[in-house]
């Protein structure tokens, strides 16, 4: 009877050893997955930082572009005013020429 119980004890020990071995392998695989995910997350963080830097650069470019557009609008307004004044002056010159011609007759 002792040999039967020692055989079953050996069998139970072998089964426990195999089960423990499988769990160790599973834990190692899980740790590998966790490490890969952490590595991916750290790269995501780097990408996020780079995106934020690019956005801030873009934002300053947008501000400069807006400033330049405002300056162009001002220049355009000034040109339009000058153009209108020039047309008015030309019209007045034509009127003066007509008056001069009328006076010479």
C-alpha atoms as a PDB file:
ATOM      1  CA  UNK A   1       0.000   0.000   0.000  1.00  0.00           C
ATOM      2  CA  UNK A   2       2.845   2.334   0.606  1.00  0.00           C
ATOM      3  CA  UNK A   3       4.014   1.889  -2.946  1.00  0.00           C
ATOM      4  CA  UNK A   4       0.572   2.848  -4.269  1.00  0.00           C
ATOM      5  CA  UNK A   5       0.446   5.955  -2.129  1.00  0.00           C
ATOM      6  CA  UNK A   6       4.047   6.869  -3.027  1.00  0.00           C
ATOM      7  CA  UNK A   7       3.192   6.404  -6.704  1.00  0.00           C
ATOM      8  CA  UNK A   8       0.150   8.630  -6.379  1.00  0.00           C
ATOM      9  CA  UNK A   9       2.244  11.160  -4.405  1.00  0.00           C
ATOM     10  CA  UNK A  10       4.844  11.161  -7.193  1.00  0.00           C
ATOM     11  CA  UNK A  11       2.081  11.561  -9.761  1.00  0.00           C
ATOM     12  CA  UNK A  12       0.537  14.406  -7.768  1.00  0.00           C
ATOM     13  CA  UNK A  13       3.979  16.038  -7.378  1.00  0.00           C
ATOM     14  CA  UNK A  14       4.608  15.687 -11.127  1.00  0.00           C
ATOM     15  CA  UNK A  15       1.222  17.195 -11.938  1.00  0.00           C
ATOM     16  CA  UNK A  16       1.840  20.073  -9.518  1.00  0.00           C
ATOM     17  CA  UNK A  17       5.291  20.615 -11.010  1.00  0.00           C
ATOM     18  CA  UNK A  18       3.833  20.722 -14.560  1.00  0.00           C
ATOM     19  CA  UNK A  19       1.041  23.058 -13.471  1.00  0.00           C
ATOM     20  CA  UNK A  20       3.553  25.347 -11.748  1.00  0.00           C
ATOM     21  CA  UNK A  21       5.746  25.288 -14.855  1.00  0.00           C
ATOM     22  CA  UNK A  22       2.790  26.239 -17.062  1.00  0.00           C
ATOM     23  CA  UNK A  23       1.833  29.089 -14.727  1.00  0.00           C
ATOM     24  CA  UNK A  24       5.408  30.387 -14.704  1.00  0.00           C
ATOM     25  CA  UNK A  25       5.414  30.347 -18.523  1.00  0.00           C
ATOM     26  CA  UNK A  26       2.042  32.130 -18.578  1.00  0.00           C
ATOM     27  CA  UNK A  27       3.298  34.780 -16.122  1.00  0.00           C
ATOM     28  CA  UNK A  28       6.451  35.304 -18.189  1.00  0.00           C
ATOM     29  CA  UNK A  29       4.323  35.757 -21.332  1.00  0.00           C
ATOM     30  CA  UNK A  30       2.039  38.180 -19.485  1.00  0.00           C
ATOM     31  CA  UNK A  31       5.040  40.165 -18.246  1.00  0.00           C
ATOM     32  CA  UNK A  32       6.339  40.295 -21.808  1.00  0.00           C
ATOM     33  CA  UNK A  33       2.993  41.689 -22.963  1.00  0.00           C
ATOM     34  CA  UNK A  34       3.008  44.267 -20.169  1.00  0.00           C
ATOM     35  CA  UNK A  35       6.557  45.352 -21.056  1.00  0.00           C
ATOM     36  CA  UNK A  36       5.621  45.667 -24.747  1.00  0.00           C
ATOM     37  CA  UNK A  37       2.574  47.758 -23.822  1.00  0.00           C
ATOM     38  CA  UNK A  38       4.667  50.011 -21.574  1.00  0.00           C
ATOM     39  CA  UNK A  39       7.151  50.447 -24.400  1.00  0.00           C
ATOM     40  CA  UNK A  40       4.350  51.336 -26.823  1.00  0.00           C
ATOM     41  CA  UNK A  41       2.911  53.742 -24.272  1.00  0.00           C
ATOM     42  CA  UNK A  42       6.243  55.485 -23.873  1.00  0.00           C
ATOM     43  CA  UNK A  43       6.422  55.914 -27.640  1.00  0.00           C
ATOM     44  CA  UNK A  44       2.856  57.247 -27.598  1.00  0.00           C
ATOM     45  CA  UNK A  45       3.935  59.788 -25.008  1.00  0.00           C
ATOM     46  CA  UNK A  46       6.867  60.834 -27.216  1.00  0.00           C
ATOM     47  CA  UNK A  47       4.546  61.159 -30.198  1.00  0.00           C
ATOM     48  CA  UNK A  48       2.106  63.202 -28.136  1.00  0.00           C
ATOM     49  CA  UNK A  49       4.920  65.522 -27.021  1.00  0.00           C
ATOM     50  CA  UNK A  50       6.060  65.947 -30.623  1.00  0.00           C
ATOM     51  CA  UNK A  51       2.498  66.656 -31.720  1.00  0.00           C
ATOM     52  CA  UNK A  52       2.149  69.309 -29.014  1.00  0.00           C
ATOM     53  CA  UNK A  53       5.423  70.936 -30.097  1.00  0.00           C
ATOM     54  CA  UNK A  54       4.294  70.930 -33.721  1.00  0.00           C
ATOM     55  CA  UNK A  55       0.948  72.400 -32.732  1.00  0.00           C
ATOM     56  CA  UNK A  56       2.581  75.200 -30.776  1.00  0.00           C
ATOM     57  CA  UNK A  57       4.811  75.980 -33.767  1.00  0.00           C
ATOM     58  CA  UNK A  58       1.769  75.932 -36.004  1.00  0.00           C
ATOM     59  CA  UNK A  59      -0.086  78.213 -33.640  1.00  0.00           C
ATOM     60  CA  UNK A  60       2.698  80.815 -33.772  1.00  0.00           C
ATOM     61  CA  UNK A  61       2.703  80.571 -37.580  1.00  0.00           C
ATOM     62  CA  UNK A  62      -1.043  81.125 -37.589  1.00  0.00           C
ATOM     63  CA  UNK A  63      -0.612  84.188 -35.363  1.00  0.00           C
ATOM     64  CA  UNK A  64       2.065  85.617 -37.680  1.00  0.00           C
ATOM     65  CA  UNK A  65      -0.079  84.901 -40.724  1.00  0.00           C
ATOM     66  CA  UNK A  66      -3.033  86.627 -39.104  1.00  0.00           C
ATOM     67  CA  UNK A  67      -0.842  89.643 -38.337  1.00  0.00           C
ATOM     68  CA  UNK A  68       0.423  89.721 -41.932  1.00  0.00           C
ATOM     69  CA  UNK A  69      -3.118  89.483 -43.279  1.00  0.00           C
ATOM     70  CA  UNK A  70      -4.152  92.404 -41.102  1.00  0.00           C
ATOM     71  CA  UNK A  71      -1.247  94.427 -42.455  1.00  0.00           C
ATOM     72  CA  UNK A  72      -2.212  93.498 -46.010  1.00  0.00           C
ATOM     73  CA  UNK A  73      -5.789  94.562 -45.317  1.00  0.00           C
ATOM     74  CA  UNK A  74      -4.524  97.919 -44.064  1.00  0.00           C
ATOM     75  CA  UNK A  75      -2.326  98.357 -47.132  1.00  0.00           C
ATOM     76  CA  UNK A  76      -5.236  97.444 -49.390  1.00  0.00           C
ATOM     77  CA  UNK A  77      -7.477  99.961 -47.625  1.00  0.00           C
ATOM     78  CA  UNK A  78      -4.831 102.652 -48.035  1.00  0.00           C
ATOM     79  CA  UNK A  79      -4.410 101.837 -51.729  1.00  0.00           C
ATOM     80  CA  UNK A  80      -8.157 102.033 -52.234  1.00  0.00           C
ATOM     81  CA  UNK A  81      -8.273 105.406 -50.516  1.00  0.00           C
ATOM     82  CA  UNK A  82      -5.389 106.675 -52.624  1.00  0.00           C
ATOM     83  CA  UNK A  83      -7.025 105.324 -55.777  1.00  0.00           C
ATOM     84  CA  UNK A  84     -10.287 107.081 -54.957  1.00  0.00           C
ATOM     85  CA  UNK A  85      -8.446 110.330 -54.222  1.00  0.00           C
ATOM     86  CA  UNK A  86      -6.576 110.012 -57.498  1.00  0.00           C
ATOM     87  CA  UNK A  87      -9.837 109.483 -59.423  1.00  0.00           C
ATOM     88  CA  UNK A  88     -11.342 112.481 -57.657  1.00  0.00           C
ATOM     89  CA  UNK A  89      -8.299 114.577 -58.527  1.00  0.00           C
ATOM     90  CA  UNK A  90      -8.464 113.501 -62.167  1.00  0.00           C
ATOM     91  CA  UNK A  91     -12.133 114.421 -62.279  1.00  0.00           C
ATOM     92  CA  UNK A  92     -11.382 117.849 -60.782  1.00  0.00           C
ATOM     93  CA  UNK A  93      -8.546 118.389 -63.247  1.00  0.00           C
ATOM     94  CA  UNK A  94     -10.920 117.615 -66.100  1.00  0.00           C
ATOM     95  CA  UNK A  95     -13.418 120.121 -64.710  1.00  0.00           C
ATOM     96  CA  UNK A  96     -10.725 122.777 -64.382  1.00  0.00           C
ATOM     97  CA  UNK A  97      -9.608 122.101 -67.968  1.00  0.00           C
ATOM     98  CA  UNK A  98     -13.172 122.577 -69.171  1.00  0.00           C
ATOM     99  CA  UNK A  99     -13.468 125.851 -67.238  1.00  0.00           C
ATOM    100  CA  UNK A 100     -10.206 127.078 -68.666  1.00  0.00           C
ATOM    101  CA  UNK A 101     -11.334 126.220 -72.180  1.00  0.00           C
ATOM    102  CA  UNK A 102     -14.640 127.967 -71.593  1.00  0.00           C
ATOM    103  CA  UNK A 103     -12.853 131.079 -70.312  1.00  0.00           C
ATOM    104  CA  UNK A 104     -10.535 131.134 -73.333  1.00  0.00           C
ATOM    105  CA  UNK A 105     -13.454 131.340 -75.780  1.00  0.00           C
END
